[in-house]
Amino acid sequence: MTAFFLSAAGFCAVYFVVLCVYARQLVAQSWIWLFFALVCLCNVLFRWLHARTPGKVSLFWLIQIHTLSFLGMAVLMASGLAVASGMHPKAKGQPEYAIVLGAGLKPDGSLSKTLKQRLDTALDFAAKSPETRFILSGGYDRRGRRTEAEVMAEYLMKQGLPKKRLLLEVQSKNTYENMVYSYALLHRVNNEDYPVFIEAEGRWVLLTTPDPDVVAVISSDFHLYRASAILEAQCDMQALGVPAPSDRVLFMHYLARESIALLKDKYLGRLNKRQSRERK
């Protein structure tokens, strides 16, 4: 048992270093690997203390610590399996709308690698589904200078995607807000009480289409399960997942981080079905 926890702690510590060296900076939430290593070392420490001073650290407490640690691993693994199950959706179609989720910008305000991969996937989808309009979802970066949605729109238009096919959602700061605010934008666009005009080919056009039942969700493969689950639960829409590739070196970190985020959203009730909305 001691060898297992020492090996696990060493692996987590080494992977943390690999993340920092590979990305040339601290990756978001990379501290979780140091936390995992610390938990494993705590198990080793308690086993050592039990062997040296069994009167101070009884077998009962040692078993409790091991049980909690293995239970945490099991829950995290189960969440990870759920995340992995949504990485390669089989559903296909050409929906009216597709939501493209933001993924953070570089310090200089340019596209991150993950965000560019999502946008390139959106361009491929746009070519296969010429009638689909894209909701670009992402608020201001940490420096508060530009929104992710604006930077995403600039890139897509430079690649030849017409402006009339783009809608910008510029308030969201996390996946839950990505989904809810994008649906709110759709509802506003399609609500006759709050007409929205867009400029298309030199003239102003009024949008008055009904709310869609199916919406494509374009995001990284590891992100699709949670994003789709939130959309279906909170907005009563069927999500058609479109996976973008993710970095293979960072994938394990993304999977662990997403597994924790899935547990958090489940705890907060964001994955619980709301009462179905009325269809017009």
Protein backbone atom coordinates (compact mmCIF):
# COMPACT_ATOMS: atom_id res chain seq x y z
CA MET A 1 0.00 0.00 0.00
CA THR A 2 2.83 2.40 0.82
CA ALA A 3 4.44 1.72 -2.56
CA PHE A 4 1.14 2.50 -4.31
CA PHE A 5 0.67 5.86 -2.63
CA LEU A 6 4.33 6.82 -3.12
CA SER A 7 4.13 5.95 -6.81
CA ALA A 8 0.90 7.90 -7.20
CA ALA A 9 2.37 10.93 -5.43
CA GLY A 10 5.46 10.80 -7.61
CA PHE A 11 3.41 10.54 -10.79
CA CYS A 12 1.24 13.52 -9.85
CA ALA A 13 4.26 15.65 -8.97
CA VAL A 14 6.07 14.77 -12.20
CA TYR A 15 2.97 15.44 -14.29
CA PHE A 16 2.62 18.86 -12.66
CA VAL A 17 6.18 19.69 -13.75
CA VAL A 18 5.46 18.37 -17.26
CA LEU A 19 2.41 20.64 -17.49
CA CYS A 20 4.42 23.70 -16.52
CA VAL A 21 7.34 22.93 -18.83
CA TYR A 22 5.17 21.98 -21.80
CA ALA A 23 2.84 24.98 -21.52
CA ARG A 24 5.68 27.33 -20.45
CA GLN A 25 3.38 28.73 -17.80
CA LEU A 26 1.09 27.61 -14.98
CA VAL A 27 -1.86 25.82 -16.55
CA ALA A 28 -5.27 26.71 -15.12
CA GLN A 29 -6.08 24.57 -12.07
CA SER A 30 -2.80 22.64 -12.43
CA TRP A 31 -2.51 22.84 -8.63
CA ILE A 32 -4.92 19.89 -8.39
CA TRP A 33 -1.99 17.57 -9.19
CA LEU A 34 -0.06 18.90 -6.21
CA PHE A 35 -3.19 18.36 -4.13
CA PHE A 36 -3.46 14.75 -5.35
CA ALA A 37 0.22 14.23 -4.50
CA LEU A 38 -0.31 15.71 -1.04
CA VAL A 39 -3.25 13.38 -0.35
CA CYS A 40 -1.13 10.38 -1.32
CA LEU A 41 1.76 11.54 0.88
CA CYS A 42 -0.63 12.01 3.80
CA ASN A 43 -1.63 8.35 3.45
CA VAL A 44 2.05 7.36 3.49
CA LEU A 45 2.67 9.54 6.54
CA PHE A 46 -0.21 8.03 8.50
CA ARG A 47 0.97 4.49 7.68
CA TRP A 48 4.44 5.41 8.91
CA LEU A 49 3.06 6.97 12.11
CA HIS A 50 0.86 3.93 12.71
CA ALA A 51 3.89 1.65 12.37
CA ARG A 52 6.03 3.80 14.69
CA THR A 53 3.42 4.88 17.25
CA PRO A 54 0.29 2.72 16.93
CA GLY A 55 -1.01 4.22 20.16
CA LYS A 56 -1.27 7.70 18.63
CA VAL A 57 -2.47 6.66 15.17
CA SER A 58 -4.72 3.66 15.60
CA LEU A 59 -5.63 1.16 12.90
CA PHE A 60 -9.16 2.59 12.94
CA TRP A 61 -8.00 6.04 11.80
CA LEU A 62 -5.62 4.56 9.25
CA ILE A 63 -8.47 2.59 7.69
CA GLN A 64 -10.68 5.70 7.68
CA ILE A 65 -8.05 7.74 5.83
CA HIS A 66 -7.44 5.00 3.28
CA THR A 67 -11.17 4.52 2.78
CA LEU A 68 -11.80 8.22 2.17
CA SER A 69 -8.89 8.39 -0.26
CA PHE A 70 -10.02 5.38 -2.29
CA LEU A 71 -13.62 6.57 -2.21
CA GLY A 72 -12.51 9.94 -3.60
CA MET A 73 -10.55 8.17 -6.34
CA ALA A 74 -13.56 6.02 -7.23
CA VAL A 75 -15.92 9.01 -7.46
CA LEU A 76 -13.43 10.93 -9.58
CA MET A 77 -12.94 7.94 -11.88
CA ALA A 78 -16.69 7.48 -12.28
CA SER A 79 -17.04 11.15 -13.19
CA GLY A 80 -14.16 10.79 -15.63
CA LEU A 81 -15.87 7.85 -17.34
CA ALA A 82 -19.00 9.96 -17.78
CA VAL A 83 -16.92 12.76 -19.31
CA ALA A 84 -15.17 10.31 -21.64
CA SER A 85 -18.50 8.82 -22.75
CA GLY A 86 -19.46 12.13 -24.37
CA MET A 87 -16.22 12.71 -26.26
CA HIS A 88 -17.33 11.09 -29.52
CA PRO A 89 -21.06 11.70 -30.04
CA LYS A 90 -22.67 9.86 -32.96
CA ALA A 91 -25.57 12.25 -33.58
CA LYS A 92 -25.43 14.17 -36.87
CA GLY A 93 -27.50 16.91 -38.47
CA GLN A 94 -27.62 20.46 -39.74
CA PRO A 95 -29.31 22.53 -37.00
CA GLU A 96 -30.27 26.17 -37.32
CA TYR A 97 -27.84 27.22 -34.63
CA ALA A 98 -24.53 26.07 -33.20
CA ILE A 99 -22.99 27.31 -29.96
CA VAL A 100 -19.20 27.66 -30.04
CA LEU A 101 -17.76 27.79 -26.53
CA GLY A 102 -14.88 30.08 -25.65
CA ALA A 103 -11.71 28.77 -24.04
CA GLY A 104 -9.71 31.74 -22.81
CA LEU A 105 -7.31 34.06 -24.58
CA LYS A 106 -3.55 34.40 -24.39
CA PRO A 107 -2.13 37.29 -22.31
CA ASP A 108 -1.69 39.32 -25.51
CA GLY A 109 -5.38 38.88 -26.38
CA SER A 110 -4.88 36.36 -29.19
CA LEU A 111 -6.46 32.93 -29.55
CA SER A 112 -5.29 30.14 -27.30
CA LYS A 113 -4.49 26.79 -28.91
CA THR A 114 -7.63 25.21 -27.49
CA LEU A 115 -9.85 28.04 -28.71
CA LYS A 116 -8.34 27.93 -32.20
CA GLN A 117 -9.02 24.19 -32.38
CA ARG A 118 -12.68 24.83 -31.51
CA LEU A 119 -12.98 27.56 -34.14
CA ASP A 120 -11.36 25.41 -36.83
CA THR A 121 -13.89 22.71 -35.98
CA ALA A 122 -16.65 25.31 -36.31
CA LEU A 123 -15.35 26.24 -39.79
CA ASP A 124 -15.46 22.60 -40.86
CA PHE A 125 -19.01 22.32 -39.52
CA ALA A 126 -20.01 25.54 -41.29
CA ALA A 127 -18.87 24.10 -44.61
CA LYS A 128 -20.96 20.96 -44.07
CA SER A 129 -23.99 22.90 -42.75
CA PRO A 130 -24.24 26.12 -44.82
CA GLU A 131 -27.50 27.30 -43.22
CA THR A 132 -26.31 27.09 -39.62
CA ARG A 133 -25.69 30.30 -37.69
CA PHE A 134 -23.10 30.37 -34.92
CA ILE A 135 -23.42 31.77 -31.42
CA LEU A 136 -19.94 32.65 -30.23
CA SER A 137 -20.03 32.45 -26.45
CA GLY A 138 -17.38 34.03 -24.23
CA GLY A 139 -17.07 37.12 -22.05
CA TYR A 140 -14.15 39.38 -21.19
CA ASP A 141 -10.71 37.92 -20.56
CA ARG A 142 -9.02 38.28 -17.19
CA ARG A 143 -7.52 41.61 -18.19
CA GLY A 144 -10.96 42.92 -19.16
CA ARG A 145 -9.82 44.25 -22.51
CA ARG A 146 -11.74 42.21 -25.09
CA THR A 147 -14.35 39.50 -25.07
CA GLU A 148 -13.61 36.01 -26.30
CA ALA A 149 -16.63 36.25 -28.60
CA GLU A 150 -15.21 39.31 -30.38
CA VAL A 151 -11.83 37.66 -30.97
CA MET A 152 -13.58 34.49 -32.15
CA ALA A 153 -15.70 36.46 -34.61
CA GLU A 154 -12.66 38.22 -36.05
CA TYR A 155 -10.90 34.92 -36.68
CA LEU A 156 -13.93 33.27 -38.30
CA MET A 157 -14.56 36.26 -40.58
CA LYS A 158 -10.91 36.30 -41.62
CA GLN A 159 -11.35 32.66 -42.59
CA GLY A 160 -14.29 33.59 -44.81
CA LEU A 161 -17.33 32.96 -42.61
CA PRO A 162 -19.89 35.73 -43.31
CA LYS A 163 -20.76 38.14 -40.52
CA LYS A 164 -24.47 37.46 -40.99
CA ARG A 165 -23.95 33.90 -39.72
CA LEU A 166 -22.52 35.06 -36.38
CA LEU A 167 -24.17 36.05 -33.10
CA LEU A 168 -22.04 37.17 -30.15
CA GLU A 169 -22.75 36.29 -26.53
CA VAL A 170 -20.32 38.42 -24.52
CA GLN A 171 -21.32 37.99 -20.84
CA SER A 172 -20.49 34.41 -19.88
CA LYS A 173 -17.56 33.48 -17.66
CA ASN A 174 -18.01 29.72 -17.33
CA THR A 175 -19.65 26.74 -19.04
CA TYR A 176 -22.96 27.12 -17.21
CA GLU A 177 -23.23 30.75 -18.29
CA ASN A 178 -22.14 29.83 -21.82
CA MET A 179 -25.19 27.61 -22.17
CA VAL A 180 -27.76 29.69 -20.30
CA TYR A 181 -26.78 33.05 -21.81
CA SER A 182 -26.57 31.58 -25.31
CA TYR A 183 -30.10 30.24 -24.91
CA ALA A 184 -31.22 33.65 -23.61
CA LEU A 185 -29.74 35.24 -26.73
CA LEU A 186 -31.59 32.75 -28.92
CA HIS A 187 -34.81 33.44 -27.09
CA ARG A 188 -34.37 37.18 -27.50
CA VAL A 189 -33.54 36.85 -31.17
CA ASN A 190 -36.69 34.81 -31.72
CA ASN A 191 -39.03 36.78 -29.46
CA GLU A 192 -41.25 39.18 -31.34
CA ASP A 193 -41.71 41.36 -28.24
CA TYR A 194 -38.00 42.18 -28.39
CA PRO A 195 -37.15 42.37 -32.09
CA VAL A 196 -33.51 42.16 -33.05
CA PHE A 197 -32.14 43.57 -36.30
CA ILE A 198 -28.88 42.52 -37.88
CA GLU A 199 -27.01 43.94 -40.81
CA ALA A 200 -26.77 41.46 -43.66
CA GLU A 201 -25.46 42.24 -47.13
CA GLY A 202 -25.91 45.98 -46.71
CA ARG A 203 -29.46 45.96 -45.32
CA TRP A 204 -31.12 45.50 -41.94
CA VAL A 205 -33.00 42.25 -41.40
CA LEU A 206 -35.49 41.44 -38.62
CA LEU A 207 -35.01 38.03 -37.00
CA THR A 208 -38.27 36.32 -36.03
CA THR A 209 -37.62 32.58 -36.24
CA PRO A 210 -39.06 30.12 -33.65
CA ASP A 211 -36.94 28.67 -30.87
CA PRO A 212 -35.05 25.59 -32.12
CA ASP A 213 -35.36 22.13 -30.56
CA VAL A 214 -31.86 21.00 -31.51
CA VAL A 215 -28.68 23.06 -31.20
CA ALA A 216 -25.15 22.00 -32.07
CA VAL A 217 -22.55 22.43 -29.34
CA ILE A 218 -18.98 22.89 -30.59
CA SER A 219 -16.28 22.49 -27.96
CA SER A 220 -13.27 20.39 -27.03
CA ASP A 221 -13.95 16.65 -26.89
CA PHE A 222 -13.43 16.46 -23.12
CA HIS A 223 -15.85 19.37 -22.61
CA LEU A 224 -18.83 18.13 -24.62
CA TYR A 225 -20.50 15.90 -22.05
CA ARG A 226 -20.89 18.59 -19.39
CA ALA A 227 -21.76 21.40 -21.82
CA SER A 228 -24.41 19.28 -23.54
CA ALA A 229 -25.83 18.07 -20.22
CA ILE A 230 -26.22 21.64 -18.96
CA LEU A 231 -27.93 22.75 -22.17
CA GLU A 232 -30.37 19.86 -22.10
CA ALA A 233 -31.12 20.24 -18.40
CA GLN A 234 -31.40 24.04 -18.15
CA CYS A 235 -32.76 24.94 -21.59
CA ASP A 236 -34.77 21.86 -22.60
CA MET A 237 -32.90 21.58 -25.89
CA GLN A 238 -31.32 18.57 -27.52
CA ALA A 239 -27.57 19.05 -27.89
CA LEU A 240 -25.80 17.82 -30.99
CA GLY A 241 -22.18 17.51 -29.91
CA VAL A 242 -19.39 18.44 -32.32
CA PRO A 243 -15.99 17.57 -30.79
CA ALA A 244 -12.84 19.58 -31.38
CA PRO A 245 -9.49 17.84 -30.83
CA SER A 246 -7.58 18.50 -27.63
CA ASP A 247 -3.88 18.57 -26.80
CA ARG A 248 -2.68 15.03 -26.05
CA VAL A 249 -0.11 16.09 -23.44
CA LEU A 250 -2.63 18.21 -21.55
CA PHE A 251 -5.50 15.77 -22.03
CA MET A 252 -5.11 14.00 -18.69
CA HIS A 253 -5.21 17.36 -16.91
CA TYR A 254 -8.26 18.45 -18.89
CA LEU A 255 -10.01 15.17 -18.07
CA ALA A 256 -9.28 15.47 -14.34
CA ARG A 257 -10.33 19.12 -14.25
CA GLU A 258 -13.52 18.39 -16.19
CA SER A 259 -14.38 15.47 -13.91
CA ILE A 260 -14.20 17.75 -10.89
CA ALA A 261 -16.26 20.42 -12.67
CA LEU A 262 -18.91 17.83 -13.51
CA LEU A 263 -19.19 16.85 -9.85
CA LYS A 264 -19.45 20.52 -8.87
CA ASP A 265 -22.23 21.21 -11.39
CA LYS A 266 -24.08 18.10 -10.23
CA TYR A 267 -23.85 19.30 -6.63
CA LEU A 268 -25.10 22.78 -7.60
CA GLY A 269 -28.10 21.28 -9.41
CA ARG A 270 -27.07 22.53 -12.84
CA LEU A 271 -27.55 19.08 -14.37
CA ASN A 272 -31.04 18.61 -12.95
CA LYS A 273 -33.88 18.84 -15.44
CA ARG A 274 -35.97 21.98 -15.25
CA GLN A 275 -39.65 22.07 -16.11
CA SER A 276 -39.99 21.88 -19.88
CA ARG A 277 -40.56 25.22 -21.56
CA GLU A 278 -43.56 25.73 -23.80
CA ARG A 279 -43.04 25.45 -27.52
CA LYS A 280 -44.50 28.10 -29.79
